[in-house]
Amino acid sequence: MSGQYVVLEVLQSLRGRDVTDFWASVDYSAIYFVLHGARKVIALGPLPSAASCAEENVNISGLTDVAFVMGRVLFGPLLASPKGRSI
């Protein structure tokens, strides 16, 4: 039961704040953050192919406070295999 209280405290601390969502994909988390009081969410994600799905999900939700930055430019080094090739 104590875990529930921790989550509620974290969500309450989002009210009126800007949030950066690292490793965003189809962006359910960004929607969740805005619905729980975040002023604005910047969603950073590695997959450009997920960007259109994420934007559609946010548009369907009727939210306007989410900005997307998706692609290998940000995450290229993190997506590299041990031999230095992108995966």
PDB file of N, CA and C in Angstrom:
ATOM      1  N   MET A   1       0.805  -1.195   0.000  1.00  0.00           N
ATOM      2  CA  MET A   1       0.000   0.000   0.000  1.00  0.00           C
ATOM      3  C   MET A   1       0.851   1.264   0.000  1.00  0.00           C
ATOM      4  N   SER A   2       2.019   1.224   0.571  1.00  0.00           N
ATOM      5  CA  SER A   2       2.823   2.445   0.656  1.00  0.00           C
ATOM      6  C   SER A   2       3.246   2.940  -0.720  1.00  0.00           C
ATOM      7  N   GLY A   3       3.383   2.056  -1.711  1.00  0.00           N
ATOM      8  CA  GLY A   3       3.756   2.454  -3.064  1.00  0.00           C
ATOM      9  C   GLY A   3       2.750   3.406  -3.692  1.00  0.00           C
ATOM     10  N   GLN A   4       1.475   3.221  -3.378  1.00  0.00           N
ATOM     11  CA  GLN A   4       0.435   4.093  -3.912  1.00  0.00           C
ATOM     12  C   GLN A   4       0.661   5.537  -3.468  1.00  0.00           C
ATOM     13  N   TYR A   5       1.060   5.728  -2.243  1.00  0.00           N
ATOM     14  CA  TYR A   5       1.263   7.074  -1.731  1.00  0.00           C
ATOM     15  C   TYR A   5       2.454   7.744  -2.399  1.00  0.00           C
ATOM     16  N   VAL A   6       3.494   6.980  -2.693  1.00  0.00           N
ATOM     17  CA  VAL A   6       4.664   7.538  -3.364  1.00  0.00           C
ATOM     18  C   VAL A   6       4.269   8.030  -4.756  1.00  0.00           C
ATOM     19  N   VAL A   7       3.507   7.237  -5.494  1.00  0.00           N
ATOM     20  CA  VAL A   7       3.069   7.633  -6.833  1.00  0.00           C
ATOM     21  C   VAL A   7       2.229   8.894  -6.761  1.00  0.00           C
ATOM     22  N   LEU A   8       1.311   8.961  -5.817  1.00  0.00           N
ATOM     23  CA  LEU A   8       0.480  10.156  -5.685  1.00  0.00           C
ATOM     24  C   LEU A   8       1.324  11.390  -5.386  1.00  0.00           C
ATOM     25  N   GLU A   9       2.327  11.257  -4.547  1.00  0.00           N
ATOM     26  CA  GLU A   9       3.199  12.387  -4.236  1.00  0.00           C
ATOM     27  C   GLU A   9       3.960  12.842  -5.474  1.00  0.00           C
ATOM     28  N   VAL A  10       4.448  11.895  -6.271  1.00  0.00           N
ATOM     29  CA  VAL A  10       5.177  12.241  -7.496  1.00  0.00           C
ATOM     30  C   VAL A  10       4.244  12.947  -8.471  1.00  0.00           C
ATOM     31  N   LEU A  11       3.034  12.424  -8.659  1.00  0.00           N
ATOM     32  CA  LEU A  11       2.085  13.045  -9.579  1.00  0.00           C
ATOM     33  C   LEU A  11       1.707  14.442  -9.129  1.00  0.00           C
ATOM     34  N   GLN A  12       1.536  14.652  -7.831  1.00  0.00           N
ATOM     35  CA  GLN A  12       1.207  15.979  -7.332  1.00  0.00           C
ATOM     36  C   GLN A  12       2.346  16.955  -7.585  1.00  0.00           C
ATOM     37  N   SER A  13       3.570  16.462  -7.582  1.00  0.00           N
ATOM     38  CA  SER A  13       4.707  17.353  -7.812  1.00  0.00           C
ATOM     39  C   SER A  13       4.829  17.760  -9.283  1.00  0.00           C
ATOM     40  N   LEU A  14       4.060  17.142 -10.193  1.00  0.00           N
ATOM     41  CA  LEU A  14       4.085  17.505 -11.610  1.00  0.00           C
ATOM     42  C   LEU A  14       3.278  18.765 -11.898  1.00  0.00           C
ATOM     43  N   ARG A  15       2.348  19.095 -11.038  1.00  0.00           N
ATOM     44  CA  ARG A  15       1.433  20.199 -11.304  1.00  0.00           C
ATOM     45  C   ARG A  15       2.165  21.492 -11.621  1.00  0.00           C
ATOM     46  N   GLY A  16       1.894  22.010 -12.844  1.00  0.00           N
ATOM     47  CA  GLY A  16       2.466  23.272 -13.263  1.00  0.00           C
ATOM     48  C   GLY A  16       3.919  23.218 -13.689  1.00  0.00           C
ATOM     49  N   ARG A  17       4.497  22.042 -13.754  1.00  0.00           N
ATOM     50  CA  ARG A  17       5.918  21.913 -14.103  1.00  0.00           C
ATOM     51  C   ARG A  17       6.087  21.440 -15.537  1.00  0.00           C
ATOM     52  N   ASP A  18       7.245  21.739 -16.110  1.00  0.00           N
ATOM     53  CA  ASP A  18       7.629  21.198 -17.408  1.00  0.00           C
ATOM     54  C   ASP A  18       8.309  19.861 -17.178  1.00  0.00           C
ATOM     55  N   VAL A  19       8.007  18.875 -18.034  1.00  0.00           N
ATOM     56  CA  VAL A  19       8.531  17.517 -17.879  1.00  0.00           C
ATOM     57  C   VAL A  19       9.224  17.105 -19.171  1.00  0.00           C
ATOM     58  N   THR A  20      10.358  16.442 -19.059  1.00  0.00           N
ATOM     59  CA  THR A  20      11.025  15.843 -20.206  1.00  0.00           C
ATOM     60  C   THR A  20      10.856  14.335 -20.112  1.00  0.00           C
ATOM     61  N   ASP A  21      10.271  13.757 -21.154  1.00  0.00           N
ATOM     62  CA  ASP A  21      10.022  12.321 -21.220  1.00  0.00           C
ATOM     63  C   ASP A  21      11.123  11.691 -22.063  1.00  0.00           C
ATOM     64  N   PHE A  22      12.141  11.153 -21.404  1.00  0.00           N
ATOM     65  CA  PHE A  22      13.237  10.507 -22.114  1.00  0.00           C
ATOM     66  C   PHE A  22      12.806   9.115 -22.544  1.00  0.00           C
ATOM     67  N   TRP A  23      13.237   8.732 -23.734  1.00  0.00           N
ATOM     68  CA  TRP A  23      12.964   7.408 -24.308  1.00  0.00           C
ATOM     69  C   TRP A  23      11.483   7.227 -24.616  1.00  0.00           C
ATOM     70  N   ALA A  24      10.866   8.291 -25.147  1.00  0.00           N
ATOM     71  CA  ALA A  24       9.452   8.238 -25.528  1.00  0.00           C
ATOM     72  C   ALA A  24       9.272   7.326 -26.730  1.00  0.00           C
ATOM     73  N   SER A  25       8.114   6.758 -26.853  1.00  0.00           N
ATOM     74  CA  SER A  25       7.796   5.921 -28.009  1.00  0.00           C
ATOM     75  C   SER A  25       6.470   6.403 -28.584  1.00  0.00           C
ATOM     76  N   VAL A  26       5.371   5.718 -28.287  1.00  0.00           N
ATOM     77  CA  VAL A  26       4.069   6.159 -28.780  1.00  0.00           C
ATOM     78  C   VAL A  26       3.430   7.151 -27.813  1.00  0.00           C
ATOM     79  N   ASP A  27       4.108   7.476 -26.781  1.00  0.00           N
ATOM     80  CA  ASP A  27       3.884   8.574 -25.865  1.00  0.00           C
ATOM     81  C   ASP A  27       2.681   8.529 -24.958  1.00  0.00           C
ATOM     82  N   TYR A  28       2.361   7.363 -24.489  1.00  0.00           N
ATOM     83  CA  TYR A  28       1.334   7.294 -23.458  1.00  0.00           C
ATOM     84  C   TYR A  28       1.799   7.993 -22.190  1.00  0.00           C
ATOM     85  N   SER A  29       3.090   7.938 -21.921  1.00  0.00           N
ATOM     86  CA  SER A  29       3.595   8.570 -20.694  1.00  0.00           C
ATOM     87  C   SER A  29       3.445  10.083 -20.750  1.00  0.00           C
ATOM     88  N   ALA A  30       3.686  10.705 -21.904  1.00  0.00           N
ATOM     89  CA  ALA A  30       3.526  12.162 -22.018  1.00  0.00           C
ATOM     90  C   ALA A  30       2.074  12.555 -21.779  1.00  0.00           C
ATOM     91  N   ILE A  31       1.154  11.778 -22.337  1.00  0.00           N
ATOM     92  CA  ILE A  31      -0.273  12.038 -22.115  1.00  0.00           C
ATOM     93  C   ILE A  31      -0.585  11.921 -20.630  1.00  0.00           C
ATOM     94  N   TYR A  32      -0.072  10.894 -20.008  1.00  0.00           N
ATOM     95  CA  TYR A  32      -0.281  10.660 -18.570  1.00  0.00           C
ATOM     96  C   TYR A  32       0.225  11.841 -17.752  1.00  0.00           C
ATOM     97  N   PHE A  33       1.438  12.338 -18.086  1.00  0.00           N
ATOM     98  CA  PHE A  33       2.006  13.452 -17.340  1.00  0.00           C
ATOM     99  C   PHE A  33       1.143  14.704 -17.455  1.00  0.00           C
ATOM    100  N   VAL A  34       0.670  15.018 -18.673  1.00  0.00           N
ATOM    101  CA  VAL A  34      -0.164  16.213 -18.865  1.00  0.00           C
ATOM    102  C   VAL A  34      -1.491  16.056 -18.134  1.00  0.00           C
ATOM    103  N   LEU A  35      -2.085  14.882 -18.225  1.00  0.00           N
ATOM    104  CA  LEU A  35      -3.358  14.656 -17.535  1.00  0.00           C
ATOM    105  C   LEU A  35      -3.223  14.743 -16.018  1.00  0.00           C
ATOM    106  N   HIS A  36      -1.994  14.580 -15.525  1.00  0.00           N
ATOM    107  CA  HIS A  36      -1.760  14.682 -14.082  1.00  0.00           C
ATOM    108  C   HIS A  36      -1.099  16.005 -13.694  1.00  0.00           C
ATOM    109  N   GLY A  37      -1.250  17.016 -14.547  1.00  0.00           N
ATOM    110  CA  GLY A  37      -0.881  18.357 -14.140  1.00  0.00           C
ATOM    111  C   GLY A  37       0.368  18.970 -14.716  1.00  0.00           C
ATOM    112  N   ALA A  38       1.149  18.224 -15.495  1.00  0.00           N
ATOM    113  CA  ALA A  38       2.350  18.823 -16.079  1.00  0.00           C
ATOM    114  C   ALA A  38       1.933  19.968 -17.002  1.00  0.00           C
ATOM    115  N   ARG A  39       2.672  21.056 -16.962  1.00  0.00           N
ATOM    116  CA  ARG A  39       2.362  22.218 -17.796  1.00  0.00           C
ATOM    117  C   ARG A  39       2.680  21.935 -19.254  1.00  0.00           C
ATOM    118  N   LYS A  40       3.827  21.301 -19.487  1.00  0.00           N
ATOM    119  CA  LYS A  40       4.283  20.979 -20.840  1.00  0.00           C
ATOM    120  C   LYS A  40       5.179  19.756 -20.754  1.00  0.00           C
ATOM    121  N   VAL A  41       5.151  18.910 -21.798  1.00  0.00           N
ATOM    122  CA  VAL A  41       6.012  17.732 -21.864  1.00  0.00           C
ATOM    123  C   VAL A  41       6.805  17.788 -23.163  1.00  0.00           C
ATOM    124  N   ILE A  42       8.102  17.608 -23.051  1.00  0.00           N
ATOM    125  CA  ILE A  42       8.957  17.440 -24.222  1.00  0.00           C
ATOM    126  C   ILE A  42       9.320  15.965 -24.273  1.00  0.00           C
ATOM    127  N   ALA A  43       8.873  15.295 -25.340  1.00  0.00           N
ATOM    128  CA  ALA A  43       9.069  13.856 -25.474  1.00  0.00           C
ATOM    129  C   ALA A  43      10.248  13.588 -26.402  1.00  0.00           C
ATOM    130  N   LEU A  44      11.268  12.946 -25.874  1.00  0.00           N
ATOM    131  CA  LEU A  44      12.466  12.592 -26.641  1.00  0.00           C
ATOM    132  C   LEU A  44      12.457  11.093 -26.884  1.00  0.00           C
ATOM    133  N   GLY A  45      12.606  10.691 -28.135  1.00  0.00           N
ATOM    134  CA  GLY A  45      12.562   9.265 -28.429  1.00  0.00           C
ATOM    135  C   GLY A  45      13.489   8.867 -29.547  1.00  0.00           C
ATOM    136  N   PRO A  46      13.899   7.598 -29.569  1.00  0.00           N
ATOM    137  CA  PRO A  46      14.888   7.125 -30.536  1.00  0.00           C
ATOM    138  C   PRO A  46      14.313   6.723 -31.894  1.00  0.00           C
ATOM    139  N   LEU A  47      13.022   6.509 -31.989  1.00  0.00           N
ATOM    140  CA  LEU A  47      12.459   5.922 -33.200  1.00  0.00           C
ATOM    141  C   LEU A  47      11.616   6.924 -33.993  1.00  0.00           C
ATOM    142  N   PRO A  48      12.153   7.418 -35.109  1.00  0.00           N
ATOM    143  CA  PRO A  48      11.362   8.346 -35.918  1.00  0.00           C
ATOM    144  C   PRO A  48      10.038   7.738 -36.367  1.00  0.00           C
ATOM    145  N   SER A  49      10.023   6.423 -36.571  1.00  0.00           N
ATOM    146  CA  SER A  49       8.795   5.762 -37.009  1.00  0.00           C
ATOM    147  C   SER A  49       7.694   5.821 -35.959  1.00  0.00           C
ATOM    148  N   ALA A  50       8.048   6.015 -34.708  1.00  0.00           N
ATOM    149  CA  ALA A  50       7.055   6.110 -33.639  1.00  0.00           C
ATOM    150  C   ALA A  50       6.489   7.519 -33.514  1.00  0.00           C
ATOM    151  N   ALA A  51       7.153   8.502 -34.108  1.00  0.00           N
ATOM    152  CA  ALA A  51       6.745   9.893 -33.943  1.00  0.00           C
ATOM    153  C   ALA A  51       5.334  10.141 -34.453  1.00  0.00           C
ATOM    154  N   SER A  52       4.993   9.625 -35.628  1.00  0.00           N
ATOM    155  CA  SER A  52       3.651   9.879 -36.164  1.00  0.00           C
ATOM    156  C   SER A  52       2.585   9.228 -35.290  1.00  0.00           C
ATOM    157  N   CYS A  53       2.853   8.048 -34.780  1.00  0.00           N
ATOM    158  CA  CYS A  53       1.916   7.373 -33.877  1.00  0.00           C
ATOM    159  C   CYS A  53       1.764   8.162 -32.574  1.00  0.00           C
ATOM    160  N   ALA A  54       2.881   8.655 -32.052  1.00  0.00           N
ATOM    161  CA  ALA A  54       2.850   9.435 -30.816  1.00  0.00           C
ATOM    162  C   ALA A  54       2.050  10.717 -31.014  1.00  0.00           C
ATOM    163  N   GLU A  55       2.303  11.417 -32.119  1.00  0.00           N
ATOM    164  CA  GLU A  55       1.574  12.648 -32.393  1.00  0.00           C
ATOM    165  C   GLU A  55       0.081  12.377 -32.569  1.00  0.00           C
ATOM    166  N   GLU A  56      -0.258  11.285 -33.234  1.00  0.00           N
ATOM    167  CA  GLU A  56      -1.667  10.928 -33.404  1.00  0.00           C
ATOM    168  C   GLU A  56      -2.318  10.640 -32.056  1.00  0.00           C
ATOM    169  N   ASN A  57      -1.627   9.904 -31.185  1.00  0.00           N
ATOM    170  CA  ASN A  57      -2.174   9.616 -29.855  1.00  0.00           C
ATOM    171  C   ASN A  57      -2.427  10.895 -29.070  1.00  0.00           C
ATOM    172  N   VAL A  58      -1.498  11.834 -29.138  1.00  0.00           N
ATOM    173  CA  VAL A  58      -1.666  13.100 -28.427  1.00  0.00           C
ATOM    174  C   VAL A  58      -2.818  13.898 -29.039  1.00  0.00           C
ATOM    175  N   ASN A  59      -2.909  13.932 -30.369  1.00  0.00           N
ATOM    176  CA  ASN A  59      -3.999  14.655 -31.023  1.00  0.00           C
ATOM    177  C   ASN A  59      -5.360  14.063 -30.677  1.00  0.00           C
ATOM    178  N   ILE A  60      -5.453  12.736 -30.667  1.00  0.00           N
ATOM    179  CA  ILE A  60      -6.706  12.072 -30.296  1.00  0.00           C
ATOM    180  C   ILE A  60      -7.094  12.444 -28.868  1.00  0.00           C
ATOM    181  N   SER A  61      -6.102  12.608 -28.017  1.00  0.00           N
ATOM    182  CA  SER A  61      -6.356  12.965 -26.620  1.00  0.00           C
ATOM    183  C   SER A  61      -6.766  14.425 -26.472  1.00  0.00           C
ATOM    184  N   GLY A  62      -6.578  15.218 -27.534  1.00  0.00           N
ATOM    185  CA  GLY A  62      -6.955  16.625 -27.479  1.00  0.00           C
ATOM    186  C   GLY A  62      -5.962  17.497 -26.737  1.00  0.00           C
ATOM    187  N   LEU A  63      -4.752  17.003 -26.527  1.00  0.00           N
ATOM    188  CA  LEU A  63      -3.744  17.756 -25.782  1.00  0.00           C
ATOM    189  C   LEU A  63      -2.889  18.578 -26.733  1.00  0.00           C
ATOM    190  N   THR A  64      -2.439  19.723 -26.272  1.00  0.00           N
ATOM    191  CA  THR A  64      -1.584  20.584 -27.093  1.00  0.00           C
ATOM    192  C   THR A  64      -0.261  20.884 -26.410  1.00  0.00           C
ATOM    193  N   ASP A  65      -0.048  20.339 -25.241  1.00  0.00           N
ATOM    194  CA  ASP A  65       1.125  20.687 -24.441  1.00  0.00           C
ATOM    195  C   ASP A  65       2.247  19.659 -24.509  1.00  0.00           C
ATOM    196  N   VAL A  66       2.354  18.956 -25.657  1.00  0.00           N
ATOM    197  CA  VAL A  66       3.404  17.949 -25.834  1.00  0.00           C
ATOM    198  C   VAL A  66       4.178  18.275 -27.106  1.00  0.00           C
ATOM    199  N   ALA A  67       5.495  18.333 -27.004  1.00  0.00           N
ATOM    200  CA  ALA A  67       6.364  18.550 -28.160  1.00  0.00           C
ATOM    201  C   ALA A  67       7.231  17.314 -28.343  1.00  0.00           C
ATOM    202  N   PHE A  68       7.495  16.935 -29.597  1.00  0.00           N
ATOM    203  CA  PHE A  68       8.251  15.726 -29.890  1.00  0.00           C
ATOM    204  C   PHE A  68       9.601  16.032 -30.517  1.00  0.00           C
ATOM    205  N   VAL A  69      10.607  15.295 -30.099  1.00  0.00           N
ATOM    206  CA  VAL A  69      11.911  15.277 -30.755  1.00  0.00           C
ATOM    207  C   VAL A  69      12.270  13.797 -30.852  1.00  0.00           C
ATOM    208  N   MET A  70      12.236  13.254 -32.066  1.00  0.00           N
ATOM    209  CA  MET A  70      12.455  11.823 -32.243  1.00  0.00           C
ATOM    210  C   MET A  70      13.567  11.590 -33.248  1.00  0.00           C
ATOM    211  N   GLY A  71      14.357  10.565 -33.035  1.00  0.00           N
ATOM    212  CA  GLY A  71      15.306  10.142 -34.048  1.00  0.00           C
ATOM    213  C   GLY A  71      16.689   9.825 -33.551  1.00  0.00           C
ATOM    214  N   ARG A  72      17.476   9.291 -34.452  1.00  0.00           N
ATOM    215  CA  ARG A  72      18.823   8.832 -34.143  1.00  0.00           C
ATOM    216  C   ARG A  72      19.783   9.966 -33.825  1.00  0.00           C
ATOM    217  N   VAL A  73      19.446  11.189 -34.212  1.00  0.00           N
ATOM    218  CA  VAL A  73      20.340  12.309 -33.900  1.00  0.00           C
ATOM    219  C   VAL A  73      20.587  12.374 -32.403  1.00  0.00           C
ATOM    220  N   LEU A  74      19.538  12.177 -31.628  1.00  0.00           N
ATOM    221  CA  LEU A  74      19.665  12.220 -30.168  1.00  0.00           C
ATOM    222  C   LEU A  74      20.198  10.932 -29.585  1.00  0.00           C
ATOM    223  N   PHE A  75      19.761   9.799 -30.138  1.00  0.00           N
ATOM    224  CA  PHE A  75      20.010   8.522 -29.493  1.00  0.00           C
ATOM    225  C   PHE A  75      20.996   7.629 -30.236  1.00  0.00           C
ATOM    226  N   GLY A  76      21.580   8.119 -31.323  1.00  0.00           N
ATOM    227  CA  GLY A  76      22.500   7.310 -32.116  1.00  0.00           C
ATOM    228  C   GLY A  76      23.555   6.592 -31.295  1.00  0.00           C
ATOM    229  N   PRO A  77      24.295   7.292 -30.424  1.00  0.00           N
ATOM    230  CA  PRO A  77      25.326   6.614 -29.626  1.00  0.00           C
ATOM    231  C   PRO A  77      24.750   5.527 -28.707  1.00  0.00           C
ATOM    232  N   LEU A  78      23.534   5.723 -28.232  1.00  0.00           N
ATOM    233  CA  LEU A  78      22.929   4.731 -27.341  1.00  0.00           C
ATOM    234  C   LEU A  78      22.446   3.505 -28.097  1.00  0.00           C
ATOM    235  N   LEU A  79      22.195   3.669 -29.398  1.00  0.00           N
ATOM    236  CA  LEU A  79      21.678   2.558 -30.196  1.00  0.00           C
ATOM    237  C   LEU A  79      22.772   1.802 -30.929  1.00  0.00           C
ATOM    238  N   ALA A  80      24.005   2.194 -30.740  1.00  0.00           N
ATOM    239  CA  ALA A  80      25.116   1.553 -31.454  1.00  0.00           C
ATOM    240  C   ALA A  80      25.432   0.197 -30.847  1.00  0.00           C
ATOM    241  N   SER A  81      25.745  -0.748 -31.731  1.00  0.00           N
ATOM    242  CA  SER A  81      26.147  -2.065 -31.261  1.00  0.00           C
ATOM    243  C   SER A  81      27.591  -1.990 -30.771  1.00  0.00           C
ATOM    244  N   PRO A  82      28.104  -3.035 -30.111  1.00  0.00           N
ATOM    245  CA  PRO A  82      29.505  -3.012 -29.660  1.00  0.00           C
ATOM    246  C   PRO A  82      30.500  -2.788 -30.784  1.00  0.00           C
ATOM    247  N   LYS A  83      30.145  -3.144 -32.011  1.00  0.00           N
ATOM    248  CA  LYS A  83      31.062  -2.949 -33.138  1.00  0.00           C
ATOM    249  C   LYS A  83      30.906  -1.562 -33.752  1.00  0.00           C
ATOM    250  N   GLY A  84      30.060  -0.723 -33.158  1.00  0.00           N
ATOM    251  CA  GLY A  84      29.901   0.641 -33.637  1.00  0.00           C
ATOM    252  C   GLY A  84      28.884   0.824 -34.734  1.00  0.00           C
ATOM    253  N   ARG A  85      28.138  -0.223 -35.067  1.00  0.00           N
ATOM    254  CA  ARG A  85      27.114  -0.083 -36.092  1.00  0.00           C
ATOM    255  C   ARG A  85      25.777   0.175 -35.424  1.00  0.00           C
ATOM    256  N   SER A  86      24.957   0.991 -36.057  1.00  0.00           N
ATOM    257  CA  SER A  86      23.621   1.245 -35.521  1.00  0.00           C
ATOM    258  C   SER A  86      22.792  -0.008 -35.641  1.00  0.00           C
ATOM    259  N   ILE A  87      21.943  -0.216 -34.662  1.00  0.00           N
ATOM    260  CA  ILE A  87      21.056  -1.383 -34.695  1.00  0.00           C
ATOM    261  C   ILE A  87      19.632  -0.946 -34.972  1.00  0.00           C
TER     262      ILE A  87
END
